[in-house]
Amino acid sequence: MNFNTTDLTWTREPKTFSVSEDKITIQTEPGTDLWQRTYYGFQNDNAPVLQMWTEEKYFSFVVKTEFDSKRRFDQCGVVMYLDSENWLKASIEYENDTYQRLGSVATNHGYSDWATTDIDASIKTMWYRLSRRESDYCIECSQDGIQFKQMRICHIWEGAEKIRFGIYACSPEESSFEARFSCMELTECKWLAHK
């Protein structure tokens, strides 16, 4: 299967970006985020998201991210965004000069969760693989694009039929950075059935 950037459409197009056949760049804007309700109480749904539609029930999507994040919560990664209350994302969120948070958020019916692990702040490249098996999803990460480690398995209640998936980048605080996406690939589902 081929991943064609001409099939991508924006949800909230950013002011500054570039899209070519093999690379996408997004300059984030301050105050942009994806989060719903849980713990913090607020609802933020204004991050730029670039995705394609599919009805394919079994596939994997791989993307390499490179970033120069520098303010708390700066992030870029992979996303499966259906609407403001139903989506799944994975990214590295900047915290400080020592560590950042590699994590994922599953949002079902308007409530987000956030599962993370701390990693060194010097890491500025990460690969993600989003795999779908009907309405169940697996997110994996890799530092070399070869060896992937599982981050999350989850169910998206509204994610059983036609979906959208792709990339996103945002800066929830007063910040802006350049997020670069490359090596985008669609394959047969690499998340094998559990037997």
N, C-alpha and C. Protein backbone atom coordinates (compact mmCIF):
# COMPACT_ATOMS: atom_id res chain seq x y z
N MET A 1 0.84 -1.19 0.00
CA MET A 1 0.00 0.00 0.00
C MET A 1 0.88 1.25 0.00
N ASN A 2 0.44 2.26 -0.70
CA ASN A 2 1.21 3.50 -0.77
C ASN A 2 0.57 4.57 0.09
N PHE A 3 1.42 5.39 0.72
CA PHE A 3 0.95 6.56 1.44
C PHE A 3 1.21 7.76 0.56
N ASN A 4 0.14 8.40 0.12
CA ASN A 4 0.24 9.51 -0.82
C ASN A 4 -0.15 10.80 -0.12
N THR A 5 0.77 11.75 -0.03
CA THR A 5 0.47 12.99 0.69
C THR A 5 -0.61 13.82 0.00
N THR A 6 -0.89 13.56 -1.28
CA THR A 6 -1.97 14.30 -1.95
C THR A 6 -3.35 13.86 -1.46
N ASP A 7 -3.41 12.73 -0.74
CA ASP A 7 -4.68 12.26 -0.18
C ASP A 7 -4.99 12.88 1.18
N LEU A 8 -4.08 13.69 1.71
CA LEU A 8 -4.23 14.25 3.04
C LEU A 8 -5.05 15.53 3.03
N THR A 9 -5.86 15.72 4.07
CA THR A 9 -6.63 16.95 4.22
C THR A 9 -6.46 17.48 5.64
N TRP A 10 -6.55 18.80 5.76
CA TRP A 10 -6.35 19.46 7.06
C TRP A 10 -7.63 19.52 7.87
N THR A 11 -7.49 19.35 9.16
CA THR A 11 -8.44 19.83 10.16
C THR A 11 -7.69 20.94 10.88
N ARG A 12 -8.08 22.15 10.68
CA ARG A 12 -7.40 23.34 11.22
C ARG A 12 -6.01 23.51 10.59
N GLU A 13 -5.97 24.01 9.41
CA GLU A 13 -4.71 24.24 8.69
C GLU A 13 -3.86 25.28 9.42
N PRO A 14 -2.58 25.00 9.65
CA PRO A 14 -1.71 25.99 10.32
C PRO A 14 -1.31 27.11 9.36
N LYS A 15 -0.79 28.20 9.92
CA LYS A 15 -0.39 29.33 9.08
C LYS A 15 0.84 28.99 8.25
N THR A 16 1.78 28.22 8.84
CA THR A 16 3.04 27.93 8.16
C THR A 16 3.27 26.43 8.10
N PHE A 17 3.35 25.91 6.88
CA PHE A 17 3.59 24.48 6.69
C PHE A 17 4.08 24.23 5.27
N SER A 18 4.61 23.04 5.03
CA SER A 18 4.94 22.62 3.68
C SER A 18 4.68 21.13 3.56
N VAL A 19 4.17 20.73 2.39
CA VAL A 19 3.86 19.33 2.14
C VAL A 19 4.47 18.95 0.80
N SER A 20 5.34 17.95 0.81
CA SER A 20 5.89 17.40 -0.43
C SER A 20 5.62 15.90 -0.44
N GLU A 21 6.10 15.24 -1.46
CA GLU A 21 5.84 13.81 -1.60
C GLU A 21 6.43 12.99 -0.47
N ASP A 22 7.58 13.46 0.07
CA ASP A 22 8.27 12.65 1.08
C ASP A 22 8.53 13.36 2.40
N LYS A 23 8.03 14.59 2.56
CA LYS A 23 8.27 15.32 3.81
C LYS A 23 7.17 16.34 4.07
N ILE A 24 6.79 16.45 5.33
CA ILE A 24 5.82 17.45 5.77
C ILE A 24 6.43 18.23 6.92
N THR A 25 6.30 19.54 6.88
CA THR A 25 6.80 20.40 7.95
C THR A 25 5.65 21.26 8.46
N ILE A 26 5.53 21.33 9.79
CA ILE A 26 4.52 22.18 10.43
C ILE A 26 5.22 23.09 11.42
N GLN A 27 4.97 24.39 11.34
CA GLN A 27 5.42 25.34 12.35
C GLN A 27 4.25 25.53 13.32
N THR A 28 4.46 25.11 14.56
CA THR A 28 3.34 25.16 15.52
C THR A 28 3.03 26.61 15.92
N GLU A 29 1.81 26.79 16.39
CA GLU A 29 1.37 28.09 16.87
C GLU A 29 1.06 28.00 18.36
N PRO A 30 1.33 29.08 19.11
CA PRO A 30 1.09 29.06 20.56
C PRO A 30 -0.38 28.80 20.89
N GLY A 31 -0.60 28.11 22.00
CA GLY A 31 -1.96 27.88 22.49
C GLY A 31 -2.74 26.84 21.74
N THR A 32 -2.05 25.95 21.03
CA THR A 32 -2.74 24.88 20.28
C THR A 32 -2.56 23.56 21.01
N ASP A 33 -3.64 22.73 21.02
CA ASP A 33 -3.58 21.49 21.82
C ASP A 33 -4.75 20.58 21.45
N LEU A 34 -4.64 19.33 21.90
CA LEU A 34 -5.75 18.36 21.86
C LEU A 34 -5.87 17.75 23.25
N TRP A 35 -6.94 18.05 23.95
CA TRP A 35 -7.20 17.47 25.27
C TRP A 35 -8.67 17.65 25.60
N GLN A 36 -9.26 16.66 26.28
CA GLN A 36 -10.67 16.76 26.67
C GLN A 36 -10.86 16.41 28.15
N ARG A 37 -11.24 17.41 28.93
CA ARG A 37 -11.81 17.32 30.27
C ARG A 37 -10.94 16.71 31.38
N THR A 38 -10.57 15.44 31.26
CA THR A 38 -10.04 14.67 32.39
C THR A 38 -8.98 15.42 33.19
N TYR A 39 -9.14 15.44 34.48
CA TYR A 39 -8.21 15.99 35.48
C TYR A 39 -8.04 17.51 35.38
N TYR A 40 -7.61 18.01 34.23
CA TYR A 40 -7.37 19.44 34.10
C TYR A 40 -8.66 20.24 33.99
N GLY A 41 -9.73 19.57 33.56
CA GLY A 41 -11.02 20.23 33.49
C GLY A 41 -11.29 20.96 32.19
N PHE A 42 -10.22 21.39 31.49
CA PHE A 42 -10.44 22.17 30.28
C PHE A 42 -10.60 21.30 29.04
N GLN A 43 -11.07 21.92 27.97
CA GLN A 43 -11.22 21.27 26.68
C GLN A 43 -10.47 22.08 25.63
N ASN A 44 -9.46 21.46 25.02
CA ASN A 44 -8.69 22.11 23.97
C ASN A 44 -8.77 21.27 22.70
N ASP A 45 -9.24 21.88 21.64
CA ASP A 45 -9.42 21.16 20.38
C ASP A 45 -9.10 22.10 19.22
N ASN A 46 -7.83 22.54 19.17
CA ASN A 46 -7.47 23.50 18.14
C ASN A 46 -6.12 23.20 17.48
N ALA A 47 -5.57 22.01 17.68
CA ALA A 47 -4.31 21.65 17.05
C ALA A 47 -4.51 21.34 15.57
N PRO A 48 -3.56 21.70 14.71
CA PRO A 48 -3.66 21.30 13.30
C PRO A 48 -3.42 19.81 13.15
N VAL A 49 -4.28 19.18 12.34
CA VAL A 49 -4.22 17.73 12.11
C VAL A 49 -4.28 17.51 10.60
N LEU A 50 -3.36 16.69 10.08
CA LEU A 50 -3.31 16.40 8.64
C LEU A 50 -3.48 14.90 8.46
N GLN A 51 -4.60 14.49 7.80
CA GLN A 51 -4.96 13.08 7.76
C GLN A 51 -5.52 12.64 6.42
N MET A 52 -5.64 11.32 6.28
CA MET A 52 -6.34 10.73 5.15
C MET A 52 -7.45 9.82 5.67
N TRP A 53 -8.48 9.61 4.84
CA TRP A 53 -9.59 8.74 5.18
C TRP A 53 -9.29 7.31 4.76
N THR A 54 -9.83 6.34 5.49
CA THR A 54 -9.76 4.95 5.05
C THR A 54 -10.92 4.16 5.64
N GLU A 55 -11.33 3.15 4.90
CA GLU A 55 -12.28 2.16 5.41
C GLU A 55 -11.58 0.82 5.65
N GLU A 56 -10.26 0.79 5.41
CA GLU A 56 -9.47 -0.42 5.62
C GLU A 56 -9.46 -0.77 7.11
N LYS A 57 -9.82 -2.00 7.45
CA LYS A 57 -9.96 -2.41 8.85
C LYS A 57 -8.65 -2.89 9.47
N TYR A 58 -7.67 -3.25 8.61
CA TYR A 58 -6.40 -3.80 9.11
C TYR A 58 -5.25 -3.15 8.35
N PHE A 59 -4.47 -2.33 9.04
CA PHE A 59 -3.31 -1.70 8.40
C PHE A 59 -2.37 -1.17 9.47
N SER A 60 -1.18 -0.78 9.04
CA SER A 60 -0.23 -0.07 9.90
C SER A 60 0.27 1.16 9.17
N PHE A 61 0.42 2.25 9.90
CA PHE A 61 0.94 3.51 9.38
C PHE A 61 2.19 3.88 10.17
N VAL A 62 3.29 4.13 9.45
CA VAL A 62 4.57 4.47 10.07
C VAL A 62 4.95 5.89 9.68
N VAL A 63 5.49 6.65 10.65
CA VAL A 63 5.98 7.99 10.35
C VAL A 63 7.17 8.30 11.27
N LYS A 64 8.13 9.00 10.71
CA LYS A 64 9.29 9.48 11.47
C LYS A 64 9.07 10.95 11.82
N THR A 65 9.28 11.31 13.09
CA THR A 65 9.14 12.70 13.52
C THR A 65 10.50 13.24 13.95
N GLU A 66 10.76 14.50 13.62
CA GLU A 66 11.94 15.22 14.08
C GLU A 66 11.46 16.58 14.57
N PHE A 67 12.04 17.06 15.66
CA PHE A 67 11.48 18.25 16.29
C PHE A 67 12.52 18.98 17.13
N ASP A 68 12.30 20.27 17.28
CA ASP A 68 13.15 21.12 18.11
C ASP A 68 12.32 21.74 19.23
N SER A 69 11.52 20.93 19.89
CA SER A 69 10.64 21.44 20.93
C SER A 69 11.47 22.03 22.07
N LYS A 70 10.90 23.07 22.71
CA LYS A 70 11.66 23.76 23.75
C LYS A 70 10.82 24.32 24.89
N ARG A 71 9.51 24.21 24.79
CA ARG A 71 8.64 24.69 25.87
C ARG A 71 7.73 23.56 26.33
N ARG A 72 7.29 23.64 27.58
CA ARG A 72 6.48 22.59 28.18
C ARG A 72 5.27 22.24 27.29
N PHE A 73 5.09 20.95 27.08
CA PHE A 73 3.98 20.35 26.33
C PHE A 73 4.11 20.46 24.81
N ASP A 74 5.16 21.12 24.28
CA ASP A 74 5.38 21.08 22.83
C ASP A 74 5.35 19.62 22.38
N GLN A 75 4.69 19.32 21.25
CA GLN A 75 4.52 17.92 20.85
C GLN A 75 4.23 17.78 19.37
N CYS A 76 4.61 16.64 18.81
CA CYS A 76 4.24 16.28 17.43
C CYS A 76 4.27 14.77 17.32
N GLY A 77 3.36 14.23 16.52
CA GLY A 77 3.33 12.78 16.42
C GLY A 77 2.26 12.27 15.49
N VAL A 78 1.83 11.05 15.78
CA VAL A 78 0.83 10.34 14.98
C VAL A 78 -0.54 10.53 15.62
N VAL A 79 -1.59 10.51 14.79
CA VAL A 79 -2.93 10.76 15.32
C VAL A 79 -3.97 10.00 14.50
N MET A 80 -5.06 9.65 15.16
CA MET A 80 -6.26 9.14 14.50
C MET A 80 -7.40 9.99 15.08
N TYR A 81 -7.73 11.06 14.37
CA TYR A 81 -8.67 12.07 14.87
C TYR A 81 -10.00 11.94 14.13
N LEU A 82 -11.05 11.59 14.87
CA LEU A 82 -12.37 11.44 14.28
C LEU A 82 -13.19 12.71 14.42
N ASP A 83 -13.24 13.23 15.64
CA ASP A 83 -13.92 14.49 15.93
C ASP A 83 -13.40 14.98 17.27
N SER A 84 -13.95 16.08 17.77
CA SER A 84 -13.40 16.71 18.97
C SER A 84 -13.47 15.83 20.22
N GLU A 85 -14.30 14.80 20.21
CA GLU A 85 -14.46 13.98 21.41
C GLU A 85 -14.00 12.54 21.24
N ASN A 86 -13.43 12.21 20.08
CA ASN A 86 -13.00 10.83 19.81
C ASN A 86 -11.74 10.82 18.97
N TRP A 87 -10.63 10.48 19.60
CA TRP A 87 -9.36 10.46 18.89
C TRP A 87 -8.28 9.75 19.71
N LEU A 88 -7.15 9.49 19.01
CA LEU A 88 -6.01 8.79 19.59
C LEU A 88 -4.75 9.47 19.08
N LYS A 89 -3.80 9.75 19.97
CA LYS A 89 -2.55 10.38 19.52
C LYS A 89 -1.38 9.82 20.32
N ALA A 90 -0.18 9.93 19.73
CA ALA A 90 1.06 9.57 20.41
C ALA A 90 2.14 10.57 20.03
N SER A 91 2.96 10.94 21.01
CA SER A 91 3.99 11.96 20.76
C SER A 91 4.98 11.98 21.92
N ILE A 92 5.99 12.82 21.77
CA ILE A 92 6.86 13.19 22.88
C ILE A 92 6.48 14.60 23.27
N GLU A 93 6.20 14.80 24.55
CA GLU A 93 5.87 16.14 25.05
C GLU A 93 7.05 16.67 25.87
N TYR A 94 7.55 17.82 25.45
CA TYR A 94 8.67 18.45 26.14
C TYR A 94 8.26 18.81 27.57
N GLU A 95 9.16 18.59 28.51
CA GLU A 95 8.91 18.97 29.90
C GLU A 95 9.96 19.98 30.39
N ASN A 96 11.24 19.63 30.29
CA ASN A 96 12.32 20.54 30.69
C ASN A 96 13.63 20.09 30.02
N ASP A 97 14.75 20.69 30.43
CA ASP A 97 16.04 20.38 29.80
C ASP A 97 16.56 19.01 30.17
N THR A 98 15.94 18.34 31.14
CA THR A 98 16.41 17.04 31.61
C THR A 98 15.62 15.89 31.01
N TYR A 99 14.28 16.00 31.03
CA TYR A 99 13.46 14.91 30.53
C TYR A 99 12.24 15.42 29.78
N GLN A 100 11.66 14.53 29.00
CA GLN A 100 10.41 14.79 28.30
C GLN A 100 9.56 13.53 28.42
N ARG A 101 8.30 13.62 28.01
CA ARG A 101 7.38 12.51 28.21
C ARG A 101 6.96 11.89 26.89
N LEU A 102 7.36 10.63 26.70
CA LEU A 102 6.90 9.83 25.57
C LEU A 102 5.57 9.23 25.98
N GLY A 103 4.52 9.54 25.25
CA GLY A 103 3.23 9.07 25.71
C GLY A 103 2.16 9.03 24.64
N SER A 104 0.98 8.64 25.08
CA SER A 104 -0.17 8.53 24.18
C SER A 104 -1.43 8.93 24.92
N VAL A 105 -2.40 9.41 24.15
CA VAL A 105 -3.69 9.81 24.70
C VAL A 105 -4.79 9.15 23.89
N ALA A 106 -5.69 8.46 24.57
CA ALA A 106 -6.90 7.94 23.95
C ALA A 106 -8.07 8.74 24.49
N THR A 107 -8.87 9.29 23.59
CA THR A 107 -10.02 10.10 23.99
C THR A 107 -11.28 9.42 23.45
N ASN A 108 -12.13 9.00 24.37
CA ASN A 108 -13.39 8.34 24.04
C ASN A 108 -14.54 9.13 24.64
N HIS A 109 -15.49 9.51 23.77
CA HIS A 109 -16.71 10.20 24.20
C HIS A 109 -16.41 11.40 25.10
N GLY A 110 -15.36 12.16 24.72
CA GLY A 110 -15.10 13.43 25.37
C GLY A 110 -14.23 13.38 26.60
N TYR A 111 -13.57 12.25 26.88
CA TYR A 111 -12.67 12.15 28.04
C TYR A 111 -11.34 11.57 27.61
N SER A 112 -10.26 12.31 27.90
CA SER A 112 -8.92 11.90 27.53
C SER A 112 -8.22 11.19 28.69
N ASP A 113 -7.31 10.29 28.34
CA ASP A 113 -6.36 9.78 29.33
C ASP A 113 -4.96 10.10 28.81
N TRP A 114 -3.94 9.90 29.64
CA TRP A 114 -2.57 10.19 29.22
C TRP A 114 -1.65 9.19 29.88
N ALA A 115 -1.07 8.31 29.07
CA ALA A 115 -0.13 7.30 29.57
C ALA A 115 1.26 7.68 29.09
N THR A 116 2.23 7.80 30.02
CA THR A 116 3.55 8.30 29.65
C THR A 116 4.67 7.52 30.31
N THR A 117 5.86 7.70 29.74
CA THR A 117 7.10 7.30 30.39
C THR A 117 8.11 8.40 30.13
N ASP A 118 8.97 8.69 31.11
CA ASP A 118 9.96 9.75 30.95
C ASP A 118 11.15 9.26 30.14
N ILE A 119 11.60 10.10 29.21
CA ILE A 119 12.79 9.81 28.41
C ILE A 119 13.70 11.04 28.43
N ASP A 120 14.93 10.87 28.00
CA ASP A 120 15.91 11.94 28.04
C ASP A 120 15.52 13.09 27.11
N ALA A 121 15.77 14.31 27.55
CA ALA A 121 15.41 15.50 26.78
C ALA A 121 16.24 15.65 25.51
N SER A 122 17.34 14.92 25.40
CA SER A 122 18.19 15.04 24.21
C SER A 122 17.61 14.33 22.99
N ILE A 123 16.61 13.48 23.17
CA ILE A 123 16.01 12.75 22.05
C ILE A 123 15.15 13.71 21.23
N LYS A 124 15.49 13.86 19.96
CA LYS A 124 14.78 14.80 19.08
C LYS A 124 14.25 14.13 17.81
N THR A 125 14.23 12.80 17.81
CA THR A 125 13.68 12.03 16.69
C THR A 125 12.95 10.81 17.25
N MET A 126 11.77 10.52 16.72
CA MET A 126 11.05 9.31 17.13
C MET A 126 10.18 8.84 15.97
N TRP A 127 10.16 7.52 15.77
CA TRP A 127 9.28 6.88 14.80
C TRP A 127 8.06 6.35 15.54
N TYR A 128 6.91 6.39 14.88
CA TYR A 128 5.69 5.82 15.44
C TYR A 128 5.06 4.87 14.43
N ARG A 129 4.43 3.83 14.95
CA ARG A 129 3.64 2.93 14.10
C ARG A 129 2.26 2.78 14.72
N LEU A 130 1.25 3.23 13.98
CA LEU A 130 -0.15 3.11 14.39
C LEU A 130 -0.75 1.95 13.62
N SER A 131 -1.28 0.96 14.34
CA SER A 131 -1.88 -0.21 13.69
C SER A 131 -3.34 -0.32 14.08
N ARG A 132 -4.14 -0.76 13.11
CA ARG A 132 -5.59 -0.91 13.34
C ARG A 132 -6.02 -2.35 13.11
N ARG A 133 -6.84 -2.85 14.04
CA ARG A 133 -7.56 -4.11 13.87
C ARG A 133 -9.01 -3.81 14.22
N GLU A 134 -9.80 -3.42 13.22
CA GLU A 134 -11.19 -2.99 13.38
C GLU A 134 -11.25 -1.79 14.32
N SER A 135 -11.88 -1.89 15.50
CA SER A 135 -11.96 -0.73 16.38
C SER A 135 -10.92 -0.77 17.50
N ASP A 136 -9.94 -1.66 17.38
CA ASP A 136 -8.84 -1.74 18.33
C ASP A 136 -7.58 -1.21 17.67
N TYR A 137 -6.73 -0.55 18.46
CA TYR A 137 -5.56 0.14 17.92
C TYR A 137 -4.33 -0.14 18.78
N CYS A 138 -3.19 -0.17 18.12
CA CYS A 138 -1.91 -0.35 18.80
C CYS A 138 -0.97 0.76 18.34
N ILE A 139 -0.29 1.39 19.29
CA ILE A 139 0.73 2.38 18.98
C ILE A 139 2.07 1.86 19.46
N GLU A 140 3.07 1.93 18.57
CA GLU A 140 4.42 1.54 18.91
C GLU A 140 5.37 2.68 18.58
N CYS A 141 6.57 2.66 19.18
CA CYS A 141 7.57 3.68 18.91
C CYS A 141 8.92 3.03 18.65
N SER A 142 9.80 3.79 18.01
CA SER A 142 11.12 3.28 17.66
C SER A 142 12.09 4.45 17.50
N GLN A 143 13.33 4.25 17.91
CA GLN A 143 14.34 5.29 17.71
C GLN A 143 15.12 5.09 16.42
N ASP A 144 14.97 3.92 15.78
CA ASP A 144 15.71 3.67 14.55
C ASP A 144 14.81 3.30 13.37
N GLY A 145 13.51 3.18 13.59
CA GLY A 145 12.60 2.82 12.51
C GLY A 145 12.60 1.35 12.16
N ILE A 146 13.31 0.56 12.95
CA ILE A 146 13.41 -0.89 12.71
C ILE A 146 12.83 -1.69 13.86
N GLN A 147 13.35 -1.43 15.06
CA GLN A 147 12.87 -2.13 16.25
C GLN A 147 11.81 -1.27 16.93
N PHE A 148 10.55 -1.74 16.92
CA PHE A 148 9.45 -1.00 17.53
C PHE A 148 9.06 -1.61 18.87
N LYS A 149 8.71 -0.74 19.82
CA LYS A 149 8.27 -1.17 21.15
C LYS A 149 6.84 -0.70 21.38
N GLN A 150 6.05 -1.56 21.96
CA GLN A 150 4.64 -1.25 22.21
C GLN A 150 4.49 -0.14 23.24
N MET A 151 3.64 0.84 22.93
CA MET A 151 3.29 1.91 23.85
C MET A 151 1.89 1.72 24.43
N ARG A 152 0.96 1.30 23.58
CA ARG A 152 -0.44 1.24 24.02
C ARG A 152 -1.24 0.34 23.10
N ILE A 153 -2.19 -0.39 23.69
CA ILE A 153 -3.28 -1.05 22.98
C ILE A 153 -4.56 -0.48 23.55
N CYS A 154 -5.48 -0.06 22.69
CA CYS A 154 -6.72 0.53 23.21
C CYS A 154 -7.87 0.30 22.23
N HIS A 155 -9.05 0.57 22.72
CA HIS A 155 -10.28 0.51 21.93
C HIS A 155 -10.81 1.92 21.77
N ILE A 156 -11.12 2.30 20.55
CA ILE A 156 -11.77 3.59 20.29
C ILE A 156 -13.21 3.29 19.91
N TRP A 157 -14.14 3.70 20.77
CA TRP A 157 -15.53 3.30 20.63
C TRP A 157 -16.15 3.72 19.30
N GLU A 158 -15.74 4.88 18.80
CA GLU A 158 -16.29 5.35 17.52
C GLU A 158 -15.35 5.04 16.35
N GLY A 159 -14.36 4.20 16.57
CA GLY A 159 -13.34 3.94 15.56
C GLY A 159 -13.49 2.63 14.82
N ALA A 160 -14.72 2.15 14.64
CA ALA A 160 -14.94 0.84 14.01
C ALA A 160 -15.19 0.92 12.50
N GLU A 161 -15.59 2.08 12.02
CA GLU A 161 -15.95 2.19 10.59
C GLU A 161 -14.90 3.02 9.85
N LYS A 162 -15.34 3.93 9.02
CA LYS A 162 -14.44 4.81 8.29
C LYS A 162 -13.73 5.74 9.27
N ILE A 163 -12.41 5.84 9.14
CA ILE A 163 -11.64 6.68 10.07
C ILE A 163 -10.71 7.60 9.29
N ARG A 164 -10.11 8.54 10.02
CA ARG A 164 -9.05 9.40 9.50
C ARG A 164 -7.81 9.17 10.35
N PHE A 165 -6.63 9.21 9.74
CA PHE A 165 -5.39 9.07 10.50
C PHE A 165 -4.29 9.85 9.81
N GLY A 166 -3.26 10.23 10.59
CA GLY A 166 -2.14 10.98 10.02
C GLY A 166 -1.24 11.54 11.09
N ILE A 167 -0.99 12.87 11.01
CA ILE A 167 -0.02 13.51 11.88
C ILE A 167 -0.61 14.79 12.49
N TYR A 168 0.06 15.26 13.53
CA TYR A 168 -0.34 16.52 14.16
C TYR A 168 0.87 17.14 14.85
N ALA A 169 0.78 18.42 15.18
CA ALA A 169 1.81 19.11 15.96
C ALA A 169 1.16 20.29 16.65
N CYS A 170 1.60 20.59 17.88
CA CYS A 170 0.99 21.71 18.60
C CYS A 170 1.89 22.19 19.73
N SER A 171 1.59 23.40 20.20
CA SER A 171 2.31 24.02 21.32
C SER A 171 1.28 24.61 22.28
N PRO A 172 0.90 23.86 23.32
CA PRO A 172 -0.15 24.32 24.23
C PRO A 172 0.17 25.62 24.97
N GLU A 173 1.45 25.91 25.22
CA GLU A 173 1.80 27.15 25.91
C GLU A 173 2.28 28.19 24.90
N GLU A 174 2.94 29.26 25.36
CA GLU A 174 3.39 30.33 24.47
C GLU A 174 4.68 29.92 23.79
N SER A 175 4.55 29.10 22.76
CA SER A 175 5.71 28.53 22.10
C SER A 175 5.43 28.29 20.63
N SER A 176 6.51 28.03 19.89
CA SER A 176 6.41 27.63 18.49
C SER A 176 7.68 26.87 18.14
N PHE A 177 7.54 25.78 17.40
CA PHE A 177 8.70 25.02 16.94
C PHE A 177 8.37 24.36 15.61
N GLU A 178 9.42 23.90 14.93
CA GLU A 178 9.23 23.23 13.65
C GLU A 178 9.18 21.73 13.85
N ALA A 179 8.09 21.10 13.40
CA ALA A 179 7.93 19.65 13.44
C ALA A 179 8.08 19.11 12.03
N ARG A 180 8.92 18.08 11.87
CA ARG A 180 9.18 17.52 10.55
C ARG A 180 8.76 16.05 10.52
N PHE A 181 8.06 15.66 9.48
CA PHE A 181 7.54 14.30 9.33
C PHE A 181 8.05 13.71 8.01
N SER A 182 8.55 12.48 8.06
CA SER A 182 9.08 11.84 6.86
C SER A 182 8.93 10.32 6.98
N CYS A 183 9.40 9.61 5.95
CA CYS A 183 9.39 8.13 5.95
C CYS A 183 8.00 7.58 6.22
N MET A 184 6.97 8.24 5.68
CA MET A 184 5.59 7.82 5.91
C MET A 184 5.26 6.62 5.04
N GLU A 185 4.67 5.62 5.66
CA GLU A 185 4.44 4.36 4.94
C GLU A 185 3.17 3.69 5.45
N LEU A 186 2.39 3.16 4.52
CA LEU A 186 1.22 2.34 4.84
C LEU A 186 1.56 0.89 4.49
N THR A 187 1.30 -0.03 5.42
CA THR A 187 1.61 -1.44 5.17
C THR A 187 0.45 -2.31 5.62
N GLU A 188 0.57 -3.59 5.34
CA GLU A 188 -0.33 -4.55 5.95
C GLU A 188 -0.17 -4.44 7.47
N CYS A 189 -1.17 -4.86 8.20
CA CYS A 189 -1.15 -4.71 9.65
C CYS A 189 0.01 -5.50 10.26
N LYS A 190 0.92 -4.78 10.93
CA LYS A 190 2.05 -5.42 11.59
C LYS A 190 1.70 -5.88 13.00
N TRP A 191 0.55 -5.49 13.47
CA TRP A 191 0.07 -5.90 14.80
C TRP A 191 -0.73 -7.19 14.59
N LEU A 192 -0.07 -8.29 14.83
CA LEU A 192 -0.64 -9.59 14.50
C LEU A 192 -1.76 -9.99 15.45
N ALA A 193 -2.67 -10.82 14.97
CA ALA A 193 -3.77 -11.31 15.79
C ALA A 193 -3.23 -12.10 16.97
N HIS A 194 -3.86 -11.97 18.11
CA HIS A 194 -3.47 -12.73 19.31
C HIS A 194 -4.11 -14.11 19.25
N LYS A 195 -3.27 -15.15 19.26
CA LYS A 195 -3.79 -16.52 19.15
C LYS A 195 -3.34 -17.35 20.33
